[in-house]
Amino acid sequence: MDRKEFRTDWFTLISYALLVVSYSLFFGALLYRSGKFSLTSVVFLLLVLPVVGYFFFLLKKKVTVSNDGIEVFGITGRKKINWNEIEEISLTPGRRYFLFISSKDGKLAVVDDSVDGFKELLKEVERRVPSKLSSNFKEVASSYKRSYTSNAIILIASLVLLFILIKSFI
């Protein structure tokens, strides 16, 4: 059986891991400085939880392509769509590229370009269901170039938080 898995790329994982660490240390330092557990402490904890949750989601995110179809575990949940059930596959360009796979029964699987081997995934989908591609799919896929702007912003934000943390204790 021909089966390929695509997971979150390492640069994205490292970016978010650094953000989780810097957020946690930053808010931990604020709690430490306040000296007591209060409503503010709960708010700080709530600010860290979405970042931690998204990081763990990125660790679990996976796209599996097999002879039967494609299975996407992403932000919209787990979707398995057989090749013969696909209605259309489209690719949306921008700062981030998104691959949309819609089925005849209304399921929608979404994959962003933070998966390692996104270009290979596009070729795999094109190879398996060429008749279901949107009219501009090939043009958009051929011009695909991964943008690292989002990751760079996350890294800069993490470094700013760490810098503030270091400066506050020196």
N, C-alpha and C. Protein backbone atom coordinates (compact mmCIF):
# COMPACT_ATOMS: atom_id res chain seq x y z
N MET A 1 0.84 -1.19 0.00
CA MET A 1 0.00 0.00 0.00
C MET A 1 0.88 1.25 0.00
N ASP A 2 0.58 2.13 -0.88
CA ASP A 2 1.30 3.40 -1.00
C ASP A 2 0.73 4.37 0.03
N ARG A 3 1.53 4.71 1.05
CA ARG A 3 1.04 5.56 2.14
C ARG A 3 2.12 6.57 2.52
N LYS A 4 1.73 7.84 2.58
CA LYS A 4 2.68 8.89 2.96
C LYS A 4 2.06 9.75 4.06
N GLU A 5 2.90 10.14 5.01
CA GLU A 5 2.45 11.02 6.09
C GLU A 5 3.19 12.33 6.02
N PHE A 6 2.47 13.40 6.31
CA PHE A 6 3.02 14.74 6.35
C PHE A 6 2.68 15.34 7.71
N ARG A 7 3.69 15.85 8.39
CA ARG A 7 3.50 16.46 9.72
C ARG A 7 4.01 17.89 9.72
N THR A 8 3.75 18.59 10.82
CA THR A 8 4.20 19.97 10.96
C THR A 8 5.71 20.05 10.79
N ASP A 9 6.18 21.04 10.04
CA ASP A 9 7.62 21.18 9.81
C ASP A 9 8.33 21.64 11.09
N TRP A 10 9.62 21.35 11.14
CA TRP A 10 10.41 21.62 12.34
C TRP A 10 10.53 23.11 12.67
N PHE A 11 10.61 23.95 11.67
CA PHE A 11 10.75 25.39 11.93
C PHE A 11 9.52 25.93 12.64
N THR A 12 8.34 25.48 12.22
CA THR A 12 7.10 25.90 12.87
C THR A 12 7.06 25.38 14.31
N LEU A 13 7.43 24.12 14.49
CA LEU A 13 7.44 23.54 15.85
C LEU A 13 8.40 24.29 16.77
N ILE A 14 9.59 24.58 16.28
CA ILE A 14 10.58 25.28 17.10
C ILE A 14 10.10 26.70 17.42
N SER A 15 9.50 27.37 16.45
CA SER A 15 8.98 28.72 16.68
C SER A 15 7.94 28.72 17.80
N TYR A 16 6.99 27.80 17.71
CA TYR A 16 5.94 27.75 18.73
C TYR A 16 6.47 27.24 20.06
N ALA A 17 7.43 26.34 20.05
CA ALA A 17 8.01 25.86 21.31
C ALA A 17 8.68 27.02 22.04
N LEU A 18 9.43 27.84 21.31
CA LEU A 18 10.07 29.00 21.92
C LEU A 18 9.02 29.99 22.44
N LEU A 19 7.92 30.15 21.70
CA LEU A 19 6.85 31.03 22.16
C LEU A 19 6.22 30.50 23.45
N VAL A 20 5.98 29.21 23.52
CA VAL A 20 5.41 28.61 24.73
C VAL A 20 6.34 28.84 25.93
N VAL A 21 7.62 28.59 25.73
CA VAL A 21 8.59 28.77 26.82
C VAL A 21 8.66 30.23 27.25
N SER A 22 8.78 31.14 26.29
CA SER A 22 8.90 32.56 26.64
C SER A 22 7.62 33.09 27.28
N TYR A 23 6.45 32.70 26.76
CA TYR A 23 5.18 33.10 27.37
C TYR A 23 5.09 32.59 28.81
N SER A 24 5.40 31.32 28.98
CA SER A 24 5.30 30.70 30.31
C SER A 24 6.24 31.37 31.29
N LEU A 25 7.49 31.59 30.87
CA LEU A 25 8.45 32.25 31.75
C LEU A 25 8.03 33.69 32.05
N PHE A 26 7.56 34.39 31.04
CA PHE A 26 7.15 35.78 31.21
C PHE A 26 5.99 35.89 32.21
N PHE A 27 4.94 35.10 31.98
CA PHE A 27 3.80 35.18 32.89
C PHE A 27 4.13 34.58 34.26
N GLY A 28 5.01 33.57 34.29
CA GLY A 28 5.48 33.05 35.57
C GLY A 28 6.23 34.11 36.36
N ALA A 29 7.05 34.90 35.68
CA ALA A 29 7.78 35.98 36.34
C ALA A 29 6.82 37.05 36.85
N LEU A 30 5.78 37.35 36.09
CA LEU A 30 4.79 38.32 36.56
C LEU A 30 4.08 37.81 37.82
N LEU A 31 3.76 36.53 37.83
CA LEU A 31 3.14 35.94 39.02
C LEU A 31 4.10 35.98 40.21
N TYR A 32 5.34 35.67 39.95
CA TYR A 32 6.35 35.67 41.01
C TYR A 32 6.51 37.06 41.60
N ARG A 33 6.55 38.07 40.72
CA ARG A 33 6.70 39.46 41.18
C ARG A 33 5.48 39.93 41.97
N SER A 34 4.29 39.48 41.59
CA SER A 34 3.10 39.91 42.32
C SER A 34 3.05 39.29 43.71
N GLY A 35 3.67 38.12 43.87
CA GLY A 35 3.79 37.50 45.19
C GLY A 35 2.59 36.75 45.69
N LYS A 36 1.48 36.76 44.96
CA LYS A 36 0.31 36.04 45.43
C LYS A 36 -0.54 35.56 44.25
N PHE A 37 -1.36 34.59 44.51
CA PHE A 37 -2.27 34.07 43.50
C PHE A 37 -3.55 34.88 43.58
N SER A 38 -3.96 35.47 42.46
CA SER A 38 -5.13 36.34 42.45
C SER A 38 -5.89 36.17 41.14
N LEU A 39 -6.89 37.00 40.95
CA LEU A 39 -7.65 36.99 39.70
C LEU A 39 -6.73 37.31 38.51
N THR A 40 -5.79 38.20 38.73
CA THR A 40 -4.81 38.54 37.69
C THR A 40 -3.99 37.31 37.31
N SER A 41 -3.64 36.51 38.30
CA SER A 41 -2.89 35.27 38.05
C SER A 41 -3.67 34.33 37.16
N VAL A 42 -4.96 34.22 37.42
CA VAL A 42 -5.82 33.34 36.60
C VAL A 42 -5.87 33.86 35.16
N VAL A 43 -5.98 35.18 35.00
CA VAL A 43 -6.00 35.78 33.66
C VAL A 43 -4.68 35.48 32.94
N PHE A 44 -3.55 35.61 33.64
CA PHE A 44 -2.24 35.29 33.03
C PHE A 44 -2.19 33.85 32.59
N LEU A 45 -2.69 32.95 33.44
CA LEU A 45 -2.70 31.53 33.09
C LEU A 45 -3.57 31.29 31.85
N LEU A 46 -4.71 31.96 31.79
CA LEU A 46 -5.60 31.79 30.64
C LEU A 46 -4.97 32.31 29.35
N LEU A 47 -4.07 33.29 29.45
CA LEU A 47 -3.39 33.81 28.27
C LEU A 47 -2.35 32.83 27.73
N VAL A 48 -1.80 32.01 28.60
CA VAL A 48 -0.79 31.03 28.18
C VAL A 48 -1.44 29.78 27.58
N LEU A 49 -2.59 29.39 28.08
CA LEU A 49 -3.21 28.13 27.67
C LEU A 49 -3.46 28.00 26.16
N PRO A 50 -3.98 29.02 25.46
CA PRO A 50 -4.18 28.83 24.01
C PRO A 50 -2.88 28.59 23.24
N VAL A 51 -1.81 29.25 23.66
CA VAL A 51 -0.52 29.06 22.98
C VAL A 51 -0.01 27.65 23.22
N VAL A 52 -0.11 27.17 24.46
CA VAL A 52 0.31 25.81 24.79
C VAL A 52 -0.56 24.80 24.05
N GLY A 53 -1.88 25.05 24.04
CA GLY A 53 -2.79 24.15 23.33
C GLY A 53 -2.49 24.07 21.85
N TYR A 54 -2.21 25.20 21.22
CA TYR A 54 -1.90 25.21 19.79
C TYR A 54 -0.59 24.49 19.51
N PHE A 55 0.38 24.64 20.40
CA PHE A 55 1.65 23.92 20.23
C PHE A 55 1.41 22.41 20.24
N PHE A 56 0.60 21.92 21.20
CA PHE A 56 0.33 20.49 21.26
C PHE A 56 -0.48 20.03 20.05
N PHE A 57 -1.35 20.90 19.54
CA PHE A 57 -2.06 20.58 18.30
C PHE A 57 -1.06 20.40 17.16
N LEU A 58 -0.08 21.31 17.05
CA LEU A 58 0.92 21.21 15.98
C LEU A 58 1.71 19.91 16.07
N LEU A 59 1.94 19.43 17.28
CA LEU A 59 2.64 18.16 17.45
C LEU A 59 1.81 16.99 16.90
N LYS A 60 0.49 17.09 17.00
CA LYS A 60 -0.40 16.02 16.57
C LYS A 60 -0.87 16.14 15.12
N LYS A 61 -0.74 17.34 14.54
CA LYS A 61 -1.26 17.58 13.19
C LYS A 61 -0.62 16.61 12.20
N LYS A 62 -1.46 16.03 11.35
CA LYS A 62 -0.95 15.04 10.41
C LYS A 62 -1.87 14.93 9.19
N VAL A 63 -1.24 14.74 8.03
CA VAL A 63 -1.97 14.47 6.79
C VAL A 63 -1.45 13.14 6.28
N THR A 64 -2.37 12.21 6.03
CA THR A 64 -2.00 10.90 5.52
C THR A 64 -2.63 10.69 4.16
N VAL A 65 -1.79 10.37 3.19
CA VAL A 65 -2.26 10.08 1.83
C VAL A 65 -2.03 8.60 1.59
N SER A 66 -3.09 7.90 1.18
CA SER A 66 -2.97 6.47 0.89
C SER A 66 -3.70 6.16 -0.41
N ASN A 67 -3.70 4.90 -0.79
CA ASN A 67 -4.42 4.50 -2.01
C ASN A 67 -5.92 4.73 -1.88
N ASP A 68 -6.43 4.70 -0.64
CA ASP A 68 -7.87 4.88 -0.41
C ASP A 68 -8.30 6.33 -0.50
N GLY A 69 -7.47 7.24 0.04
CA GLY A 69 -7.86 8.64 0.08
C GLY A 69 -6.89 9.46 0.91
N ILE A 70 -7.41 10.54 1.44
CA ILE A 70 -6.59 11.45 2.23
C ILE A 70 -7.27 11.63 3.59
N GLU A 71 -6.45 11.61 4.64
CA GLU A 71 -6.95 11.84 5.99
C GLU A 71 -6.19 13.02 6.56
N VAL A 72 -6.95 13.98 7.06
CA VAL A 72 -6.36 15.21 7.60
C VAL A 72 -6.78 15.35 9.05
N PHE A 73 -5.80 15.42 9.95
CA PHE A 73 -6.08 15.80 11.32
C PHE A 73 -5.55 17.21 11.46
N GLY A 74 -6.48 18.15 11.43
CA GLY A 74 -6.09 19.56 11.46
C GLY A 74 -6.97 20.35 12.39
N ILE A 75 -6.93 21.65 12.23
CA ILE A 75 -7.64 22.57 13.12
C ILE A 75 -9.16 22.35 13.04
N THR A 76 -9.65 21.84 11.92
CA THR A 76 -11.09 21.59 11.79
C THR A 76 -11.47 20.16 12.19
N GLY A 77 -10.56 19.44 12.82
CA GLY A 77 -10.84 18.07 13.27
C GLY A 77 -10.25 17.04 12.32
N ARG A 78 -10.65 15.79 12.52
CA ARG A 78 -10.16 14.69 11.70
C ARG A 78 -11.15 14.44 10.56
N LYS A 79 -10.63 14.50 9.34
CA LYS A 79 -11.46 14.26 8.16
C LYS A 79 -10.78 13.22 7.29
N LYS A 80 -11.54 12.19 6.91
CA LYS A 80 -11.04 11.20 5.96
C LYS A 80 -11.95 11.26 4.74
N ILE A 81 -11.34 11.48 3.59
CA ILE A 81 -12.09 11.58 2.35
C ILE A 81 -11.47 10.62 1.34
N ASN A 82 -12.27 9.70 0.83
CA ASN A 82 -11.79 8.78 -0.20
C ASN A 82 -11.64 9.53 -1.52
N TRP A 83 -10.72 9.07 -2.35
CA TRP A 83 -10.46 9.75 -3.62
C TRP A 83 -11.71 9.87 -4.47
N ASN A 84 -12.54 8.82 -4.48
CA ASN A 84 -13.74 8.85 -5.32
C ASN A 84 -14.86 9.72 -4.74
N GLU A 85 -14.70 10.20 -3.49
CA GLU A 85 -15.70 11.07 -2.86
C GLU A 85 -15.37 12.56 -3.02
N ILE A 86 -14.21 12.85 -3.58
CA ILE A 86 -13.79 14.25 -3.68
C ILE A 86 -14.58 14.98 -4.76
N GLU A 87 -15.06 16.16 -4.36
CA GLU A 87 -15.77 17.00 -5.32
C GLU A 87 -14.81 18.00 -5.97
N GLU A 88 -13.99 18.67 -5.15
CA GLU A 88 -13.04 19.63 -5.70
C GLU A 88 -11.86 19.80 -4.75
N ILE A 89 -10.72 20.10 -5.35
CA ILE A 89 -9.51 20.43 -4.60
C ILE A 89 -9.04 21.78 -5.09
N SER A 90 -8.88 22.70 -4.14
CA SER A 90 -8.41 24.03 -4.52
C SER A 90 -7.24 24.43 -3.64
N LEU A 91 -6.46 25.36 -4.15
CA LEU A 91 -5.27 25.85 -3.47
C LEU A 91 -5.36 27.37 -3.44
N THR A 92 -5.25 27.93 -2.24
CA THR A 92 -5.36 29.38 -2.09
C THR A 92 -4.01 29.97 -1.72
N PRO A 93 -3.51 30.90 -2.54
CA PRO A 93 -2.22 31.52 -2.23
C PRO A 93 -2.38 32.70 -1.27
N GLY A 94 -1.28 33.11 -0.74
CA GLY A 94 -1.24 34.25 0.17
C GLY A 94 0.02 34.16 0.99
N ARG A 95 0.02 34.83 2.14
CA ARG A 95 1.19 34.71 3.02
C ARG A 95 1.35 33.24 3.44
N ARG A 96 0.22 32.57 3.60
CA ARG A 96 0.20 31.13 3.83
C ARG A 96 -0.67 30.52 2.73
N TYR A 97 -0.27 29.36 2.28
CA TYR A 97 -1.07 28.65 1.28
C TYR A 97 -1.96 27.65 2.00
N PHE A 98 -3.19 27.51 1.51
CA PHE A 98 -4.13 26.55 2.08
C PHE A 98 -4.64 25.63 0.98
N LEU A 99 -4.65 24.34 1.26
CA LEU A 99 -5.19 23.33 0.38
C LEU A 99 -6.56 22.96 0.92
N PHE A 100 -7.60 23.13 0.11
CA PHE A 100 -8.97 22.81 0.50
C PHE A 100 -9.42 21.59 -0.28
N ILE A 101 -9.90 20.58 0.44
CA ILE A 101 -10.39 19.36 -0.20
C ILE A 101 -11.83 19.18 0.24
N SER A 102 -12.75 19.30 -0.70
CA SER A 102 -14.17 19.16 -0.36
C SER A 102 -14.72 17.86 -0.94
N SER A 103 -15.58 17.23 -0.16
CA SER A 103 -16.18 15.97 -0.61
C SER A 103 -17.60 16.20 -1.09
N LYS A 104 -18.14 15.20 -1.73
CA LYS A 104 -19.50 15.29 -2.27
C LYS A 104 -20.54 15.38 -1.16
N ASP A 105 -20.21 14.85 0.03
CA ASP A 105 -21.18 14.90 1.14
C ASP A 105 -20.97 16.10 2.07
N GLY A 106 -20.16 17.08 1.63
CA GLY A 106 -20.02 18.32 2.37
C GLY A 106 -18.85 18.41 3.34
N LYS A 107 -18.06 17.37 3.46
CA LYS A 107 -16.88 17.45 4.33
C LYS A 107 -15.85 18.37 3.69
N LEU A 108 -15.12 19.10 4.54
CA LEU A 108 -14.06 19.97 4.06
C LEU A 108 -12.82 19.73 4.90
N ALA A 109 -11.74 19.33 4.24
CA ALA A 109 -10.45 19.15 4.90
C ALA A 109 -9.55 20.30 4.46
N VAL A 110 -8.86 20.90 5.43
CA VAL A 110 -8.00 22.04 5.16
C VAL A 110 -6.59 21.72 5.64
N VAL A 111 -5.61 21.99 4.76
CA VAL A 111 -4.20 21.78 5.10
C VAL A 111 -3.47 23.06 4.79
N ASP A 112 -2.70 23.57 5.76
CA ASP A 112 -1.89 24.76 5.48
C ASP A 112 -0.47 24.33 5.14
N ASP A 113 0.32 25.28 4.68
CA ASP A 113 1.66 24.94 4.19
C ASP A 113 2.70 24.79 5.30
N SER A 114 2.26 24.67 6.54
CA SER A 114 3.24 24.42 7.61
C SER A 114 3.54 22.93 7.76
N VAL A 115 2.96 22.10 6.90
CA VAL A 115 3.33 20.68 6.92
C VAL A 115 4.60 20.48 6.12
N ASP A 116 5.46 19.66 6.65
CA ASP A 116 6.72 19.36 5.98
C ASP A 116 6.43 18.61 4.68
N GLY A 117 6.96 19.10 3.58
CA GLY A 117 6.74 18.46 2.28
C GLY A 117 5.44 18.89 1.63
N PHE A 118 5.01 20.12 1.88
CA PHE A 118 3.75 20.61 1.33
C PHE A 118 3.73 20.52 -0.20
N LYS A 119 4.83 20.87 -0.83
CA LYS A 119 4.90 20.81 -2.30
C LYS A 119 4.74 19.36 -2.78
N GLU A 120 5.34 18.42 -2.07
CA GLU A 120 5.19 17.00 -2.40
C GLU A 120 3.73 16.56 -2.22
N LEU A 121 3.08 17.07 -1.16
CA LEU A 121 1.67 16.77 -0.93
C LEU A 121 0.82 17.27 -2.11
N LEU A 122 1.11 18.47 -2.58
CA LEU A 122 0.38 19.02 -3.73
C LEU A 122 0.54 18.12 -4.96
N LYS A 123 1.76 17.67 -5.19
CA LYS A 123 2.02 16.79 -6.35
C LYS A 123 1.28 15.45 -6.19
N GLU A 124 1.25 14.95 -4.96
CA GLU A 124 0.59 13.67 -4.69
C GLU A 124 -0.92 13.78 -4.96
N VAL A 125 -1.53 14.85 -4.49
CA VAL A 125 -2.96 15.08 -4.72
C VAL A 125 -3.23 15.25 -6.21
N GLU A 126 -2.39 16.03 -6.88
CA GLU A 126 -2.55 16.26 -8.32
C GLU A 126 -2.44 14.95 -9.10
N ARG A 127 -1.54 14.10 -8.69
CA ARG A 127 -1.34 12.82 -9.36
C ARG A 127 -2.55 11.88 -9.19
N ARG A 128 -3.14 11.92 -8.01
CA ARG A 128 -4.21 10.96 -7.70
C ARG A 128 -5.60 11.38 -8.21
N VAL A 129 -5.88 12.68 -8.25
CA VAL A 129 -7.21 13.13 -8.70
C VAL A 129 -7.10 14.37 -9.58
N PRO A 130 -6.45 14.23 -10.73
CA PRO A 130 -6.24 15.40 -11.59
C PRO A 130 -7.54 16.02 -12.11
N SER A 131 -8.60 15.24 -12.21
CA SER A 131 -9.87 15.77 -12.75
C SER A 131 -10.64 16.60 -11.72
N LYS A 132 -10.24 16.56 -10.46
CA LYS A 132 -10.96 17.27 -9.39
C LYS A 132 -10.29 18.59 -8.99
N LEU A 133 -9.21 18.95 -9.66
CA LEU A 133 -8.47 20.16 -9.30
C LEU A 133 -9.21 21.40 -9.79
N SER A 134 -9.16 22.47 -8.99
CA SER A 134 -9.76 23.74 -9.42
C SER A 134 -9.02 24.24 -10.66
N SER A 135 -9.63 25.17 -11.36
CA SER A 135 -9.07 25.62 -12.64
C SER A 135 -7.69 26.26 -12.51
N ASN A 136 -7.40 26.87 -11.37
CA ASN A 136 -6.10 27.54 -11.21
C ASN A 136 -5.12 26.75 -10.34
N PHE A 137 -5.45 25.51 -9.99
CA PHE A 137 -4.63 24.73 -9.08
C PHE A 137 -3.18 24.60 -9.56
N LYS A 138 -3.00 24.17 -10.79
CA LYS A 138 -1.65 23.94 -11.31
C LYS A 138 -0.83 25.23 -11.35
N GLU A 139 -1.47 26.32 -11.73
CA GLU A 139 -0.78 27.61 -11.79
C GLU A 139 -0.34 28.05 -10.39
N VAL A 140 -1.24 27.95 -9.43
CA VAL A 140 -0.92 28.35 -8.06
C VAL A 140 0.14 27.42 -7.46
N ALA A 141 0.00 26.12 -7.71
CA ALA A 141 0.97 25.14 -7.18
C ALA A 141 2.36 25.38 -7.76
N SER A 142 2.44 25.72 -9.03
CA SER A 142 3.75 25.94 -9.64
C SER A 142 4.43 27.20 -9.13
N SER A 143 3.64 28.16 -8.65
CA SER A 143 4.23 29.39 -8.12
C SER A 143 4.42 29.34 -6.60
N TYR A 144 4.13 28.20 -5.99
CA TYR A 144 4.22 28.08 -4.53
C TYR A 144 5.65 28.29 -4.03
N LYS A 145 5.75 29.12 -3.02
CA LYS A 145 7.02 29.33 -2.32
C LYS A 145 6.65 29.56 -0.86
N ARG A 146 7.21 28.76 0.01
CA ARG A 146 6.90 28.83 1.45
C ARG A 146 7.35 30.16 2.00
N SER A 147 6.44 30.80 2.75
CA SER A 147 6.76 32.06 3.43
C SER A 147 7.05 31.76 4.90
N TYR A 148 8.07 32.36 5.42
CA TYR A 148 8.42 32.17 6.82
C TYR A 148 8.13 33.41 7.65
N THR A 149 7.32 34.33 7.12
CA THR A 149 7.00 35.57 7.82
C THR A 149 6.31 35.31 9.15
N SER A 150 5.30 34.43 9.17
CA SER A 150 4.57 34.14 10.40
C SER A 150 5.52 33.58 11.47
N ASN A 151 6.36 32.67 11.06
CA ASN A 151 7.31 32.08 12.01
C ASN A 151 8.31 33.12 12.50
N ALA A 152 8.73 34.01 11.62
CA ALA A 152 9.68 35.06 12.02
C ALA A 152 9.02 35.99 13.04
N ILE A 153 7.77 36.33 12.84
CA ILE A 153 7.06 37.18 13.79
C ILE A 153 6.95 36.49 15.15
N ILE A 154 6.65 35.21 15.14
CA ILE A 154 6.55 34.44 16.39
C ILE A 154 7.91 34.40 17.09
N LEU A 155 8.97 34.18 16.33
CA LEU A 155 10.31 34.16 16.93
C LEU A 155 10.68 35.53 17.51
N ILE A 156 10.37 36.59 16.80
CA ILE A 156 10.68 37.94 17.29
C ILE A 156 9.89 38.22 18.57
N ALA A 157 8.61 37.87 18.59
CA ALA A 157 7.79 38.07 19.79
C ALA A 157 8.36 37.29 20.97
N SER A 158 8.80 36.07 20.72
CA SER A 158 9.40 35.24 21.77
C SER A 158 10.68 35.88 22.31
N LEU A 159 11.51 36.35 21.40
CA LEU A 159 12.77 36.98 21.83
C LEU A 159 12.53 38.28 22.58
N VAL A 160 11.51 39.04 22.18
CA VAL A 160 11.16 40.27 22.91
C VAL A 160 10.72 39.93 24.33
N LEU A 161 9.87 38.92 24.47
CA LEU A 161 9.44 38.50 25.80
C LEU A 161 10.62 38.05 26.66
N LEU A 162 11.52 37.27 26.06
CA LEU A 162 12.70 36.81 26.81
C LEU A 162 13.61 37.98 27.18
N PHE A 163 13.77 38.94 26.27
CA PHE A 163 14.58 40.12 26.55
C PHE A 163 14.00 40.91 27.73
N ILE A 164 12.68 41.13 27.70
CA ILE A 164 12.01 41.84 28.80
C ILE A 164 12.20 41.08 30.11
N LEU A 165 12.08 39.79 30.05
CA LEU A 165 12.24 38.95 31.23
C LEU A 165 13.66 39.08 31.80
N ILE A 166 14.65 38.99 30.93
CA ILE A 166 16.05 39.09 31.36
C ILE A 166 16.33 40.47 31.93
N LYS A 167 15.86 41.52 31.25
CA LYS A 167 16.09 42.89 31.72
C LYS A 167 15.43 43.14 33.08
N SER A 168 14.30 42.50 33.33
CA SER A 168 13.58 42.75 34.58
C SER A 168 14.27 42.09 35.78
N PHE A 169 15.08 41.08 35.52
CA PHE A 169 15.76 40.40 36.63
C PHE A 169 17.22 40.83 36.78
N ILE A 170 17.71 41.66 35.89
CA ILE A 170 19.10 42.11 35.99
C ILE A 170 19.17 43.41 36.74
